Each structure stands twice: as C-alpha cells, then as structure tokens.
Amino acid sequence: MSRTISGTFFFVNCVMKIFEWTKTLPPFFRNFFFLFAVVFIIWMIFFDSNDIISQYKMRSQLSDLESEREYYEQKIIEVKAEEEALMKDKVKLEKFAREHYLMKKPTEDIYILVEE
C-alpha cells in the first residue's frame, strides 16, 4: 500500500514540476492550438500508419517497380520484333526451333555436348 502511495506522490510531483516548467514558457507556446499542432505533427511523422519512414519505403519500392516495368516493356518490344522476323522467314524459324527446342527432321539424329 505504501508503495502505491509513494508511486502516486512521485507521479504527482513530476506533473507539478512539468506544470511549473510550463509557466516559464511564453504564452504562445502554452496555447492549446500550438500544443495540439506540435502533437499532431509528431504523431504524423512517427506514429501514423503513413509516417515518413513508410512513405520513403513505398517511394523506393515504387521506383524499383517502375524500373522493372521499363525493362519488361523493352523486352516485350524485342520479343515482338523477333517473333515478327521469325514469322516472315521460314529459314530463321527452322533455325530457332532447332536451337531452342531441339527439333529435328525425322531422318536426323541430335547429339548434345555438355561441357564439364
């Protein structure tokens, strides 16, 4: 019981010291709207779900995704150009099929050499 009472007195003593310290501040800093604005700004910077740190992380993630998008758009253009070239020329199409899919004519044999 005495421990609870001494803890309560300690808390009250701290609050009184803070209250006395605020009396030394100019009236502008003791204004409710100023204090509310300061608390609001601190809350928005550090504690809100959209705080500055998470905003920075999301921006960096967005820039990474945009660079990936540019890369894949360039790859799409290259693949479409290659597809168009293959569909126009039968010799290139046959060469592509033989190299990439190991296709062969019925009378041919394929040997795959693996380097160690």
Protein backbone atom coordinates (compact mmCIF):
# COMPACT_ATOMS: atom_id res chain seq x y z
CA MET A 1 0.00 0.00 0.00
CA SER A 2 2.75 2.44 0.89
CA ARG A 3 4.48 1.61 -2.36
CA THR A 4 1.39 2.61 -4.36
CA ILE A 5 1.02 5.82 -2.39
CA SER A 6 4.69 6.74 -2.84
CA GLY A 7 4.39 6.00 -6.59
CA THR A 8 1.34 8.22 -6.76
CA PHE A 9 3.14 11.02 -4.92
CA PHE A 10 6.10 10.66 -7.28
CA PHE A 11 3.81 10.93 -10.32
CA VAL A 12 2.00 13.94 -8.88
CA ASN A 13 5.34 15.56 -8.04
CA CYS A 14 6.55 15.05 -11.63
CA VAL A 15 3.34 16.52 -13.05
CA MET A 16 3.67 19.55 -10.75
CA LYS A 17 7.27 20.13 -11.88
CA ILE A 18 6.20 19.96 -15.51
CA PHE A 19 3.35 22.36 -14.79
CA GLU A 20 5.78 24.78 -13.09
CA TRP A 21 8.17 24.48 -16.02
CA THR A 22 5.40 25.36 -18.49
CA LYS A 23 4.72 28.56 -16.55
CA THR A 24 8.19 29.79 -17.59
CA LEU A 25 7.33 29.40 -21.32
CA PRO A 26 6.00 32.35 -23.30
CA PRO A 27 2.20 32.36 -23.65
CA PHE A 28 2.36 31.48 -27.34
CA PHE A 29 3.91 28.07 -26.55
CA ARG A 30 1.28 27.39 -23.87
CA ASN A 31 -1.52 27.97 -26.38
CA PHE A 32 -3.78 24.93 -26.85
CA PHE A 33 -3.71 25.17 -30.65
CA PHE A 34 0.08 25.37 -30.74
CA LEU A 35 0.41 22.35 -28.46
CA PHE A 36 -2.17 20.44 -30.47
CA ALA A 37 -0.32 21.26 -33.72
CA VAL A 38 3.00 20.08 -32.25
CA VAL A 39 1.48 16.83 -31.01
CA PHE A 40 -0.27 16.33 -34.36
CA ILE A 41 2.96 16.86 -36.32
CA ILE A 42 4.88 14.47 -34.07
CA TRP A 43 2.11 11.89 -34.45
CA MET A 44 2.10 12.20 -38.24
CA ILE A 45 5.90 11.96 -38.50
CA PHE A 46 6.50 8.99 -36.22
CA PHE A 47 3.35 7.09 -35.20
CA ASP A 48 0.80 7.22 -38.02
CA SER A 49 0.44 4.31 -40.44
CA ASN A 50 1.51 6.65 -43.25
CA ASP A 51 4.51 8.10 -41.44
CA ILE A 52 7.60 9.45 -43.19
CA ILE A 53 9.57 6.21 -42.92
CA SER A 54 6.88 4.11 -44.57
CA GLN A 55 6.37 6.79 -47.22
CA TYR A 56 10.10 6.64 -48.05
CA LYS A 57 9.99 2.83 -48.29
CA MET A 58 6.94 2.94 -50.55
CA ARG A 59 8.57 5.54 -52.82
CA SER A 60 11.73 3.45 -53.18
CA GLN A 61 9.61 0.37 -53.91
CA LEU A 62 7.64 2.34 -56.49
CA SER A 63 10.81 3.48 -58.26
CA ASP A 64 12.10 -0.12 -58.31
CA LEU A 65 8.82 -1.33 -59.80
CA GLU A 66 8.86 1.43 -62.42
CA SER A 67 12.38 0.49 -63.49
CA GLU A 68 11.30 -3.17 -63.73
CA ARG A 69 8.33 -2.09 -65.81
CA GLU A 70 10.59 -0.22 -68.24
CA TYR A 71 12.83 -3.29 -68.50
CA TYR A 72 9.92 -5.61 -69.27
CA GLU A 73 8.39 -3.19 -71.77
CA GLN A 74 11.73 -3.14 -73.60
CA LYS A 75 11.84 -6.95 -73.52
CA ILE A 76 8.29 -7.11 -74.95
CA ILE A 77 9.35 -4.91 -77.85
CA GLU A 78 12.39 -7.12 -78.51
CA VAL A 79 10.33 -10.34 -78.39
CA LYS A 80 7.67 -8.92 -80.72
CA ALA A 81 10.35 -7.88 -83.20
CA GLU A 82 11.93 -11.35 -83.02
CA GLU A 83 8.54 -13.00 -83.46
CA GLU A 84 7.78 -10.87 -86.49
CA ALA A 85 11.15 -11.72 -88.02
CA LEU A 86 10.60 -15.45 -87.39
CA MET A 87 7.11 -15.48 -88.86
CA LYS A 88 8.31 -13.82 -92.08
CA ASP A 89 11.31 -16.08 -92.75
CA LYS A 90 10.97 -19.89 -92.76
CA VAL A 91 14.75 -20.44 -92.56
CA LYS A 92 15.05 -18.34 -89.40
CA LEU A 93 12.04 -20.12 -87.89
CA GLU A 94 13.59 -23.53 -88.56
CA LYS A 95 16.93 -22.40 -87.09
CA PHE A 96 15.19 -21.03 -83.98
CA ALA A 97 13.21 -24.24 -83.46
CA ARG A 98 16.33 -26.40 -83.85
CA GLU A 99 18.41 -24.30 -81.43
CA HIS A 100 15.87 -23.61 -78.70
CA TYR A 101 13.54 -26.62 -78.78
CA LEU A 102 15.92 -29.25 -80.17
CA MET A 103 13.54 -30.06 -83.00
CA LYS A 104 14.79 -32.26 -85.81
CA LYS A 105 13.79 -33.77 -89.08
CA PRO A 106 12.67 -37.42 -88.95
CA THR A 107 15.90 -38.63 -90.59
CA GLU A 108 18.27 -36.70 -88.31
CA ASP A 109 19.94 -37.55 -85.02
CA ILE A 110 20.75 -34.93 -82.36
CA TYR A 111 23.85 -35.05 -80.21
CA ILE A 112 24.09 -32.71 -77.24
CA LEU A 113 27.61 -31.93 -75.99
CA VAL A 114 27.82 -30.88 -72.35
CA GLU A 115 30.96 -29.11 -71.18
CA GLU A 116 32.29 -30.11 -67.78
